[in-house]
Amino acid sequence: MTERPPQRTPNRQLAALIAEAGFSNAGLARRVDQLGLEHGLDLRYDKTSVTRWLRGQQPRGTTPALIAEVFTRRLGRRLTAQDLGLDACAPVYAGLEFAAGPEEAVDIVSGLWRKDSGSHAELRKIAFTPAGLVVPSRDWLIGRADDRVARGAPPPVNGARVPAQGRAAVPRQRQTDRGPGQRVTTGDIAALRSVGELFRTLDHAYGGGHARQALVRYLEHETEPMLRGTYGEATGRRLFAAAADLTRLAGWTSFDIAAHGLAQRYFVQALRLAQAAGDRPYGSYVLVTMSRQAIHLGHGREAVQLARVAQQGVGSAAPAVVQALLHSVEARGHGVLGEVRACTASLVRAERAMEAARPGDELPHWARFFDEAQLADEFAHCHRDLQQYRAAAQHAERSLQLRSPGYARSRLFCRVVLATARLGLGELDQACSLGAEAAQQATEMRSARALEYVRDFEKRLEPYRDASAVRTYRDRVAALG
């Protein structure tokens, strides 16, 4: 790696942290190299490199951020490049920070929105980082809601709120300072919620790529000015909750177009906004969303850990349907790992929780999708991963019977699972017919995940490539153009 010319001032901040962490120079270099490999970087630092840093030389590129992350993991608190006496850069970890307070949380997430809404194509190429899940999930689990999120309003005096002066409405434009801006109303928050429902419906039916960019621009041009506006405690909590929901959705749509590193950053920031909102159950939902991404990418161990943190964080007071959701996602992680007993145990817990639910139970809006159709879908995926194909087929068929047509992408996924199960049972004609239907549907969506499901099925067809049914399947798919 090319370094900048040496500086004369020794880096005492870095020296103090090396001593606190108990690193040798060679040990620190080795850890930086290992972290670089997670991002596809061949760094090859050694103890001499660390000696140069201690003498004041500044490493280039993303290395300062990598060094800071090494210390963050070791010492259990978030450290930045500046904390180490190193120059700031555009780090690979930008967006994975779990902010210390609500103001910092707004700064981080709004910076992410602005970069994503511009012509920053490199953002969508950032790699998913399994190690980047550890600190945010831990900080969420041991953290609590911020003491104060109100902005531009005086604190209470003797238990009463003193009216703020000069709260005239301002034009709806992005605020560039931290002073009081627009006054946020319940109508503003209702609008955020409505927009979320609109984009969610589009995502379910047409895939994450259909309107993702419009959602990101809405976050930048509408949500950020509200977060930088004027609001009291109660309104602020609701505002942060709505912003968390939209941010998670931006991450979900990014995940669906295979922008996995970007999606991971959105999920981390949604988790932090949920903490500011004081909405512990929603934080658990963000964690299981992160778990689903880890499952999709084959990181079963991390997926299980995230689902368990979600369960621990929300406790036994959550509605039965939410409990079922959390246990079913843990089961999916065990399924990816091939852990039959653990997967079965989690599925049993999910099923029992679902049976305990009552039609009149009040559910948070984000949990209403989790019904008998979704539970059957989770069972089908688990049995497929465990190569229990008869059970997978039974649950997939049940899910397809129950699932609303509006969940087109979920139906496509389930149809591919059913096709895979039929293939595993030796029913090649039926498997190919189901797979061709799914391939047709995938062409009508903007969803990388849908295409990946179809490609996975096609790989499973390879041993049967000379069969008549497979040749017919290929002809049908080729005709889709």
Protein backbone atom coordinates (compact mmCIF):
# COMPACT_ATOMS: atom_id res chain seq x y z
CA MET A 1 0.00 0.00 0.00
CA THR A 2 1.28 3.49 -0.85
CA GLU A 3 1.59 5.76 2.20
CA ARG A 4 1.63 9.51 2.57
CA PRO A 5 4.88 11.26 3.49
CA PRO A 6 5.71 10.84 7.18
CA GLN A 7 4.54 13.45 9.64
CA ARG A 8 6.74 14.65 12.45
CA THR A 9 4.24 14.32 15.29
CA PRO A 10 4.04 10.87 16.90
CA ASN A 11 0.51 9.46 17.09
CA ARG A 12 0.00 9.30 20.87
CA GLN A 13 -3.72 8.53 20.53
CA LEU A 14 -3.01 5.38 18.56
CA ALA A 15 -0.22 4.37 20.96
CA ALA A 16 -2.54 4.72 23.97
CA LEU A 17 -5.26 2.60 22.34
CA ILE A 18 -2.77 -0.09 21.32
CA ALA A 19 -1.67 -0.29 24.95
CA GLU A 20 -5.27 -0.38 26.19
CA ALA A 21 -6.19 -3.14 23.74
CA GLY A 22 -3.08 -5.16 24.55
CA PHE A 23 -2.07 -5.45 20.90
CA SER A 24 1.43 -5.99 19.66
CA ASN A 25 2.31 -4.12 16.49
CA ALA A 26 2.28 -7.40 14.56
CA GLY A 27 -1.04 -8.38 16.15
CA LEU A 28 -2.71 -5.13 15.12
CA ALA A 29 -1.37 -5.44 11.56
CA ARG A 30 -2.65 -9.01 11.33
CA ARG A 31 -6.15 -8.01 12.47
CA VAL A 32 -6.31 -5.14 9.97
CA ASP A 33 -5.29 -7.54 7.20
CA GLN A 34 -7.95 -10.06 8.26
CA LEU A 35 -10.65 -7.39 8.31
CA GLY A 36 -9.52 -6.19 4.89
CA LEU A 37 -9.99 -9.71 3.51
CA GLU A 38 -13.64 -9.56 4.56
CA HIS A 39 -13.96 -6.69 2.09
CA GLY A 40 -11.89 -8.31 -0.64
CA LEU A 41 -8.83 -6.18 0.14
CA ASP A 42 -5.33 -7.68 0.04
CA LEU A 43 -3.57 -5.23 2.39
CA ARG A 44 -0.46 -7.10 3.66
CA TYR A 45 0.40 -4.79 6.54
CA ASP A 46 3.04 -5.86 9.08
CA LYS A 47 4.56 -4.64 12.34
CA THR A 48 6.69 -2.12 10.41
CA SER A 49 3.51 -0.55 9.00
CA VAL A 50 2.19 -0.04 12.52
CA THR A 51 5.48 1.49 13.60
CA ARG A 52 5.14 4.03 10.78
CA TRP A 53 1.58 4.85 11.88
CA LEU A 54 2.81 5.42 15.43
CA ARG A 55 5.43 7.83 14.08
CA GLY A 56 2.68 9.87 12.45
CA GLN A 57 2.34 8.45 8.98
CA GLN A 58 -1.23 8.35 7.67
CA PRO A 59 -2.49 5.22 5.90
CA ARG A 60 -4.52 5.82 2.76
CA GLY A 61 -7.97 4.85 1.57
CA THR A 62 -10.23 2.84 3.80
CA THR A 63 -7.47 1.63 6.12
CA PRO A 64 -8.15 4.22 8.90
CA ALA A 65 -11.73 2.99 9.12
CA LEU A 66 -10.59 -0.63 9.22
CA ILE A 67 -8.14 0.14 12.02
CA ALA A 68 -10.91 1.90 13.95
CA GLU A 69 -13.18 -1.11 13.55
CA VAL A 70 -10.47 -3.44 14.87
CA PHE A 71 -10.32 -1.36 18.04
CA THR A 72 -14.11 -1.10 18.22
CA ARG A 73 -14.40 -4.89 18.30
CA ARG A 74 -11.59 -5.30 20.80
CA LEU A 75 -12.61 -2.60 23.27
CA GLY A 76 -16.38 -2.86 22.95
CA ARG A 77 -17.02 0.81 22.22
CA ARG A 78 -17.33 2.61 18.92
CA LEU A 79 -14.18 4.38 17.81
CA THR A 80 -13.63 6.46 14.69
CA ALA A 81 -10.50 7.15 12.67
CA GLN A 82 -10.25 10.55 14.35
CA ASP A 83 -10.25 8.87 17.78
CA LEU A 84 -7.11 7.06 16.67
CA GLY A 85 -5.43 10.23 15.41
CA LEU A 86 -5.90 9.14 11.81
CA ASP A 87 -7.33 11.08 8.88
CA ALA A 88 -11.00 10.55 8.16
CA CYS A 89 -11.94 8.98 4.87
CA ALA A 90 -14.98 7.55 3.14
CA PRO A 91 -14.87 4.34 5.14
CA VAL A 92 -16.27 0.96 4.17
CA TYR A 93 -17.96 1.05 7.56
CA ALA A 94 -19.80 4.33 6.98
CA GLY A 95 -23.42 3.65 7.85
CA LEU A 96 -22.70 0.72 10.17
CA GLU A 97 -22.19 3.05 13.14
CA PHE A 98 -24.70 2.79 15.97
CA ALA A 99 -25.04 6.46 16.94
CA ALA A 100 -24.53 7.65 20.50
CA GLY A 101 -27.57 9.96 20.40
CA PRO A 102 -30.54 10.99 18.25
CA GLU A 103 -28.83 13.98 16.64
CA GLU A 104 -25.93 11.81 15.50
CA ALA A 105 -28.40 9.16 14.32
CA VAL A 106 -30.12 11.74 12.11
CA ASP A 107 -26.77 12.91 10.73
CA ILE A 108 -25.69 9.35 9.82
CA VAL A 109 -28.95 8.22 8.25
CA SER A 110 -29.56 11.45 6.34
CA GLY A 111 -26.04 11.22 4.92
CA LEU A 112 -26.88 7.72 3.74
CA TRP A 113 -30.11 8.91 2.09
CA ARG A 114 -28.33 11.76 0.29
CA LYS A 115 -25.55 9.54 -1.03
CA ASP A 116 -28.01 6.89 -2.17
CA SER A 117 -30.31 9.33 -3.95
CA GLY A 118 -27.41 10.79 -5.93
CA SER A 119 -25.22 9.19 -8.56
CA HIS A 120 -23.24 7.13 -6.08
CA ALA A 121 -23.30 3.77 -7.83
CA GLU A 122 -20.41 2.54 -5.68
CA LEU A 123 -22.76 2.51 -2.68
CA ARG A 124 -24.68 -0.34 -4.27
CA LYS A 125 -21.50 -2.35 -4.73
CA ILE A 126 -20.46 -2.34 -1.07
CA ALA A 127 -20.11 -5.87 0.25
CA PHE A 128 -22.20 -7.30 3.06
CA THR A 129 -20.10 -7.61 6.22
CA PRO A 130 -21.12 -10.35 8.70
CA ALA A 131 -18.78 -8.88 11.33
CA GLY A 132 -20.61 -5.56 11.01
CA LEU A 133 -23.69 -7.11 12.64
CA VAL A 134 -22.08 -7.62 16.03
CA VAL A 135 -21.76 -4.13 17.49
CA PRO A 136 -25.17 -2.72 16.39
CA SER A 137 -27.12 -5.75 17.64
CA ARG A 138 -25.23 -5.72 20.93
CA ASP A 139 -25.68 -1.98 21.42
CA TRP A 140 -29.41 -2.31 20.71
CA LEU A 141 -29.79 -5.18 23.16
CA ILE A 142 -28.06 -3.46 26.07
CA GLY A 143 -29.27 0.04 25.18
CA ARG A 144 -32.47 1.85 25.99
CA ALA A 145 -34.54 4.60 24.46
CA ASP A 146 -32.88 8.02 24.37
CA ASP A 147 -33.82 10.23 27.32
CA ARG A 148 -34.80 13.10 25.06
CA VAL A 149 -35.58 13.33 21.36
CA ALA A 150 -37.54 16.61 21.33
CA ARG A 151 -36.01 19.23 19.07
CA GLY A 152 -36.39 22.99 18.98
CA ALA A 153 -38.65 22.92 22.05
CA PRO A 154 -37.60 23.93 25.57
CA PRO A 155 -37.34 21.17 28.18
CA PRO A 156 -40.22 20.91 30.70
CA VAL A 157 -40.22 23.23 33.70
CA ASN A 158 -41.80 21.80 36.87
CA GLY A 159 -43.41 19.08 34.81
CA ALA A 160 -45.00 21.47 32.26
CA ARG A 161 -43.97 22.11 28.69
CA VAL A 162 -43.13 25.74 27.98
CA PRO A 163 -44.37 26.85 24.54
CA ALA A 164 -41.57 27.54 22.13
CA GLN A 165 -41.46 30.93 20.49
CA GLY A 166 -41.28 31.64 16.81
CA ARG A 167 -42.68 28.32 15.57
CA ALA A 168 -43.96 29.73 12.32
CA ALA A 169 -44.27 27.20 9.55
CA VAL A 170 -41.38 27.11 7.09
CA PRO A 171 -41.37 25.91 3.51
CA ARG A 172 -40.93 22.13 3.11
CA GLN A 173 -37.28 22.01 2.09
CA ARG A 174 -34.22 20.33 3.52
CA GLN A 175 -32.81 22.16 6.52
CA THR A 176 -29.07 22.61 6.48
CA ASP A 177 -28.69 23.80 10.05
CA ARG A 178 -29.61 22.39 13.43
CA GLY A 179 -31.89 25.23 14.45
CA PRO A 180 -35.66 24.87 14.69
CA GLY A 181 -37.18 24.27 11.29
CA GLN A 182 -40.66 23.17 10.33
CA ARG A 183 -43.00 22.18 13.11
CA VAL A 184 -43.87 18.49 12.74
CA THR A 185 -47.54 17.64 13.09
CA THR A 186 -49.51 14.44 13.50
CA GLY A 187 -50.55 14.90 9.87
CA ASP A 188 -46.91 14.81 8.79
CA ILE A 189 -46.39 11.54 10.60
CA ALA A 190 -49.60 10.08 9.17
CA ALA A 191 -48.29 10.98 5.71
CA LEU A 192 -45.04 9.12 6.40
CA ARG A 193 -47.03 6.07 7.43
CA SER A 194 -49.21 6.23 4.32
CA VAL A 195 -46.19 6.56 2.06
CA GLY A 196 -44.70 3.51 3.75
CA GLU A 197 -47.82 1.46 3.01
CA LEU A 198 -47.78 2.59 -0.61
CA PHE A 199 -44.16 1.59 -1.17
CA ARG A 200 -44.66 -1.67 0.72
CA THR A 201 -47.52 -2.61 -1.59
CA LEU A 202 -45.40 -1.85 -4.66
CA ASP A 203 -42.53 -3.88 -3.25
CA HIS A 204 -44.69 -6.96 -2.56
CA ALA A 205 -46.26 -6.90 -6.02
CA TYR A 206 -43.44 -5.75 -8.32
CA GLY A 207 -40.15 -6.12 -6.45
CA GLY A 208 -37.80 -3.79 -4.65
CA GLY A 209 -36.33 -2.22 -7.77
CA HIS A 210 -39.65 -0.82 -8.96
CA ALA A 211 -39.82 2.28 -6.78
CA ARG A 212 -36.79 2.07 -4.47
CA GLN A 213 -35.17 5.22 -5.79
CA ALA A 214 -38.37 7.20 -5.32
CA LEU A 215 -38.52 6.02 -1.71
CA VAL A 216 -34.94 7.12 -1.07
CA ARG A 217 -35.64 10.56 -2.55
CA TYR A 218 -38.72 10.85 -0.35
CA LEU A 219 -36.60 10.10 2.69
CA GLU A 220 -34.09 12.74 1.67
CA HIS A 221 -36.50 15.52 0.70
CA GLU A 222 -39.39 14.92 3.11
CA THR A 223 -38.30 12.85 6.08
CA GLU A 224 -34.98 14.55 6.78
CA PRO A 225 -36.52 18.05 7.06
CA MET A 226 -39.00 16.66 9.57
CA LEU A 227 -36.26 15.06 11.66
CA ARG A 228 -34.46 18.40 11.65
CA GLY A 229 -37.65 20.27 12.43
CA THR A 230 -39.39 21.19 15.67
CA TYR A 231 -41.24 18.64 17.80
CA GLY A 232 -41.88 17.65 21.38
CA GLU A 233 -41.21 14.30 23.03
CA ALA A 234 -44.36 12.39 22.09
CA THR A 235 -44.38 13.63 18.50
CA GLY A 236 -40.65 13.02 18.23
CA ARG A 237 -40.98 9.40 19.29
CA ARG A 238 -43.67 8.82 16.68
CA LEU A 239 -41.58 10.63 14.06
CA PHE A 240 -38.52 8.47 14.75
CA ALA A 241 -40.70 5.36 14.61
CA ALA A 242 -42.07 6.32 11.19
CA ALA A 243 -38.58 7.20 9.94
CA ALA A 244 -37.30 3.83 11.20
CA ASP A 245 -40.04 2.03 9.27
CA LEU A 246 -39.26 3.85 6.00
CA THR A 247 -35.54 3.32 6.48
CA ARG A 248 -36.01 -0.42 7.05
CA LEU A 249 -38.13 -0.52 3.88
CA ALA A 250 -35.35 1.24 1.95
CA GLY A 251 -33.02 -1.45 3.23
CA TRP A 252 -35.47 -4.20 2.31
CA THR A 253 -35.80 -2.93 -1.27
CA SER A 254 -32.00 -2.60 -1.48
CA PHE A 255 -31.71 -6.21 -0.33
CA ASP A 256 -34.16 -7.23 -3.04
CA ILE A 257 -31.98 -5.73 -5.79
CA ALA A 258 -28.87 -7.44 -4.31
CA ALA A 259 -27.31 -4.21 -2.98
CA HIS A 260 -26.43 -6.13 0.16
CA GLY A 261 -23.89 -3.84 1.81
CA LEU A 262 -26.17 -0.86 1.32
CA ALA A 263 -29.14 -2.79 2.68
CA GLN A 264 -27.14 -3.76 5.75
CA ARG A 265 -26.41 -0.10 6.46
CA TYR A 266 -30.07 0.84 6.13
CA PHE A 267 -31.04 -1.90 8.57
CA VAL A 268 -28.47 -0.77 11.14
CA GLN A 269 -29.74 2.81 10.94
CA ALA A 270 -33.38 1.68 11.14
CA LEU A 271 -32.45 -0.19 14.31
CA ARG A 272 -30.95 2.98 15.80
CA LEU A 273 -33.98 5.08 14.85
CA ALA A 274 -36.25 2.48 16.47
CA GLN A 275 -34.25 2.85 19.67
CA ALA A 276 -34.74 6.62 19.57
CA ALA A 277 -38.46 5.97 19.11
CA GLY A 278 -38.49 3.77 22.20
CA ASP A 279 -40.10 1.05 20.07
CA ARG A 280 -38.48 -2.14 21.29
CA PRO A 281 -40.75 -4.53 19.34
CA TYR A 282 -40.01 -2.75 16.07
CA GLY A 283 -36.31 -3.02 16.80
CA SER A 284 -36.79 -6.78 17.08
CA TYR A 285 -38.47 -6.72 13.66
CA VAL A 286 -35.50 -4.91 12.15
CA LEU A 287 -33.21 -7.56 13.64
CA VAL A 288 -35.20 -10.42 12.10
CA THR A 289 -35.09 -8.53 8.79
CA MET A 290 -31.30 -8.48 9.14
CA SER A 291 -31.50 -12.18 9.97
CA ARG A 292 -33.42 -12.86 6.75
CA GLN A 293 -30.69 -11.15 4.75
CA ALA A 294 -28.04 -13.25 6.50
CA ILE A 295 -30.07 -16.39 5.69
CA HIS A 296 -30.29 -15.43 2.03
CA LEU A 297 -26.53 -14.92 1.90
CA GLY A 298 -25.81 -18.24 3.62
CA HIS A 299 -24.67 -16.84 6.98
CA GLY A 300 -26.76 -19.18 9.11
CA ARG A 301 -24.89 -18.70 12.38
CA GLU A 302 -25.25 -14.92 12.25
CA ALA A 303 -28.92 -15.31 11.30
CA VAL A 304 -29.61 -17.44 14.37
CA GLN A 305 -27.79 -15.01 16.63
CA LEU A 306 -29.75 -12.02 15.30
CA ALA A 307 -33.07 -13.84 15.77
CA ARG A 308 -32.12 -14.74 19.34
CA VAL A 309 -31.09 -11.18 20.15
CA ALA A 310 -34.49 -10.06 18.84
CA GLN A 311 -36.25 -12.57 21.08
CA GLN A 312 -34.20 -11.56 24.11
CA GLY A 313 -34.70 -7.87 23.45
CA VAL A 314 -38.48 -8.00 23.13
CA GLY A 315 -39.10 -10.56 25.90
CA SER A 316 -42.21 -12.63 26.52
CA ALA A 317 -44.58 -9.66 26.55
CA ALA A 318 -44.75 -9.44 22.75
CA PRO A 319 -47.98 -10.59 21.05
CA ALA A 320 -48.15 -14.28 20.16
CA VAL A 321 -47.92 -13.55 16.43
CA VAL A 322 -44.69 -11.59 16.95
CA GLN A 323 -43.28 -14.48 18.98
CA ALA A 324 -44.17 -16.83 16.14
CA LEU A 325 -42.39 -14.56 13.67
CA LEU A 326 -39.21 -14.44 15.77
CA HIS A 327 -39.06 -18.21 16.30
CA SER A 328 -39.75 -18.97 12.64
CA VAL A 329 -36.85 -16.80 11.49
CA GLU A 330 -34.54 -18.52 13.96
CA ALA A 331 -35.71 -21.82 12.48
CA ARG A 332 -34.73 -20.59 9.01
CA GLY A 333 -31.18 -19.95 10.25
CA HIS A 334 -30.95 -23.45 11.72
CA GLY A 335 -32.28 -24.83 8.45
CA VAL A 336 -29.51 -23.15 6.45
CA LEU A 337 -27.00 -24.72 8.84
CA GLY A 338 -28.60 -28.15 8.48
CA GLU A 339 -29.35 -28.31 12.21
CA VAL A 340 -32.40 -30.58 12.17
CA ARG A 341 -33.17 -30.73 15.90
CA ALA A 342 -32.70 -27.01 16.53
CA CYS A 343 -34.71 -26.11 13.42
CA THR A 344 -37.55 -28.44 14.43
CA ALA A 345 -37.60 -27.06 17.99
CA SER A 346 -37.86 -23.48 16.71
CA LEU A 347 -40.65 -24.43 14.30
CA VAL A 348 -42.57 -26.08 17.13
CA ARG A 349 -42.23 -22.89 19.22
CA ALA A 350 -43.41 -20.80 16.27
CA GLU A 351 -46.41 -23.06 15.69
CA ARG A 352 -47.41 -23.03 19.35
CA ALA A 353 -47.14 -19.26 19.50
CA MET A 354 -49.33 -18.97 16.41
CA GLU A 355 -51.91 -21.28 17.96
CA ALA A 356 -51.97 -19.05 21.03
CA ALA A 357 -52.87 -15.99 18.94
CA ARG A 358 -56.47 -14.79 18.99
CA PRO A 359 -58.33 -13.07 16.11
CA GLY A 360 -58.92 -9.96 18.24
CA ASP A 361 -55.30 -9.54 19.32
CA GLU A 362 -53.97 -6.07 18.63
CA LEU A 363 -50.91 -6.27 16.41
CA PRO A 364 -48.37 -3.66 15.33
CA HIS A 365 -48.83 -2.80 11.66
CA TRP A 366 -45.57 -4.47 10.66
CA ALA A 367 -46.60 -7.86 12.08
CA ARG A 368 -49.93 -8.16 10.28
CA PHE A 369 -48.36 -9.87 7.27
CA PHE A 370 -47.38 -12.82 9.44
CA ASP A 371 -50.33 -15.15 9.11
CA GLU A 372 -50.93 -18.85 8.48
CA ALA A 373 -49.76 -18.46 4.88
CA GLN A 374 -46.46 -16.90 5.97
CA LEU A 375 -45.92 -19.50 8.69
CA ALA A 376 -46.48 -22.30 6.17
CA ASP A 377 -43.98 -20.57 3.86
CA GLU A 378 -41.36 -20.53 6.64
CA PHE A 379 -41.99 -24.25 7.29
CA ALA A 380 -41.61 -24.99 3.57
CA HIS A 381 -38.27 -23.19 3.31
CA CYS A 382 -36.93 -24.96 6.41
CA HIS A 383 -37.95 -28.42 5.19
CA ARG A 384 -36.47 -27.69 1.77
CA ASP A 385 -33.15 -26.69 3.34
CA LEU A 386 -33.19 -29.87 5.44
CA GLN A 387 -34.00 -31.90 2.30
CA GLN A 388 -37.29 -33.07 3.83
CA TYR A 389 -39.04 -32.67 0.52
CA ARG A 390 -42.43 -34.24 1.22
CA ALA A 391 -43.03 -31.93 4.18
CA ALA A 392 -41.67 -28.98 2.16
CA ALA A 393 -44.17 -29.67 -0.62
CA GLN A 394 -47.10 -29.95 1.79
CA HIS A 395 -46.36 -26.64 3.50
CA ALA A 396 -45.58 -24.84 0.23
CA GLU A 397 -48.90 -25.94 -1.27
CA ARG A 398 -50.73 -24.76 1.84
CA SER A 399 -49.00 -21.39 1.72
CA LEU A 400 -49.89 -20.89 -1.95
CA GLN A 401 -53.52 -21.75 -1.23
CA LEU A 402 -53.73 -19.20 1.58
CA ARG A 403 -51.51 -16.40 0.27
CA SER A 404 -53.09 -13.26 -1.13
CA PRO A 405 -52.29 -12.49 -4.81
CA GLY A 406 -50.94 -9.10 -3.69
CA TYR A 407 -47.87 -10.86 -2.28
CA ALA A 408 -46.69 -11.79 -5.76
CA ARG A 409 -42.99 -12.05 -4.95
CA SER A 410 -43.58 -14.21 -1.88
CA ARG A 411 -45.81 -16.47 -3.96
CA LEU A 412 -43.02 -16.76 -6.54
CA PHE A 413 -40.51 -17.76 -3.84
CA CYS A 414 -42.90 -20.36 -2.48
CA ARG A 415 -43.59 -21.72 -5.96
CA VAL A 416 -39.86 -22.26 -6.47
CA VAL A 417 -39.63 -24.02 -3.09
CA LEU A 418 -42.49 -26.26 -4.19
CA ALA A 419 -40.76 -26.92 -7.52
CA THR A 420 -37.57 -27.86 -5.66
CA ALA A 421 -39.51 -30.19 -3.37
CA ARG A 422 -41.17 -31.89 -6.33
CA LEU A 423 -37.76 -32.30 -7.92
CA GLY A 424 -36.44 -33.86 -4.72
CA LEU A 425 -39.37 -36.30 -4.77
CA GLY A 426 -38.53 -37.32 -8.31
CA GLU A 427 -41.55 -35.57 -9.88
CA LEU A 428 -39.58 -33.95 -12.69
CA ASP A 429 -42.46 -32.94 -14.98
CA GLN A 430 -44.33 -31.14 -12.21
CA ALA A 431 -41.14 -29.52 -10.92
CA CYS A 432 -40.31 -28.11 -14.35
CA SER A 433 -43.84 -26.82 -14.87
CA LEU A 434 -43.79 -24.98 -11.53
CA GLY A 435 -40.29 -23.65 -12.21
CA ALA A 436 -41.33 -22.29 -15.62
CA GLU A 437 -44.27 -20.46 -14.03
CA ALA A 438 -41.91 -18.87 -11.50
CA ALA A 439 -39.43 -17.90 -14.24
CA GLN A 440 -42.24 -16.18 -16.13
CA GLN A 441 -43.24 -14.23 -13.01
CA ALA A 442 -39.62 -13.25 -12.30
CA THR A 443 -39.41 -11.50 -15.68
CA GLU A 444 -42.32 -9.29 -14.64
CA MET A 445 -40.57 -8.04 -11.48
CA ARG A 446 -37.59 -5.93 -10.59
CA SER A 447 -36.24 -8.34 -8.01
CA ALA A 448 -32.76 -9.84 -8.01
CA ARG A 449 -33.91 -12.27 -5.33
CA ALA A 450 -36.63 -13.61 -7.61
CA LEU A 451 -34.05 -14.27 -10.32
CA GLU A 452 -31.73 -15.89 -7.79
CA TYR A 453 -34.49 -18.29 -6.68
CA VAL A 454 -35.03 -19.30 -10.30
CA ARG A 455 -31.30 -19.74 -10.92
CA ASP A 456 -30.97 -21.89 -7.82
CA PHE A 457 -33.74 -24.14 -9.15
CA GLU A 458 -32.01 -24.35 -12.52
CA LYS A 459 -28.76 -25.47 -10.86
CA ARG A 460 -30.71 -28.27 -9.19
CA LEU A 461 -31.99 -29.30 -12.63
CA GLU A 462 -28.47 -29.78 -13.99
CA PRO A 463 -28.22 -33.54 -13.19
CA TYR A 464 -31.38 -34.02 -15.29
CA ARG A 465 -30.34 -31.76 -18.17
CA ASP A 466 -30.94 -34.42 -20.85
CA ALA A 467 -34.48 -35.22 -19.71
CA SER A 468 -37.35 -34.19 -21.97
CA ALA A 469 -39.03 -32.14 -19.21
CA VAL A 470 -35.86 -30.13 -18.61
CA ARG A 471 -35.39 -29.43 -22.32
CA THR A 472 -38.99 -28.21 -22.46
CA TYR A 473 -38.36 -26.02 -19.41
CA ARG A 474 -35.32 -24.44 -21.05
CA ASP A 475 -37.23 -23.79 -24.25
CA ARG A 476 -40.02 -22.05 -22.31
CA VAL A 477 -37.55 -19.91 -20.35
CA ALA A 478 -35.56 -19.04 -23.49
CA ALA A 479 -38.76 -17.84 -25.14
CA LEU A 480 -39.21 -15.29 -22.34
CA GLY A 481 -36.37 -13.38 -23.96
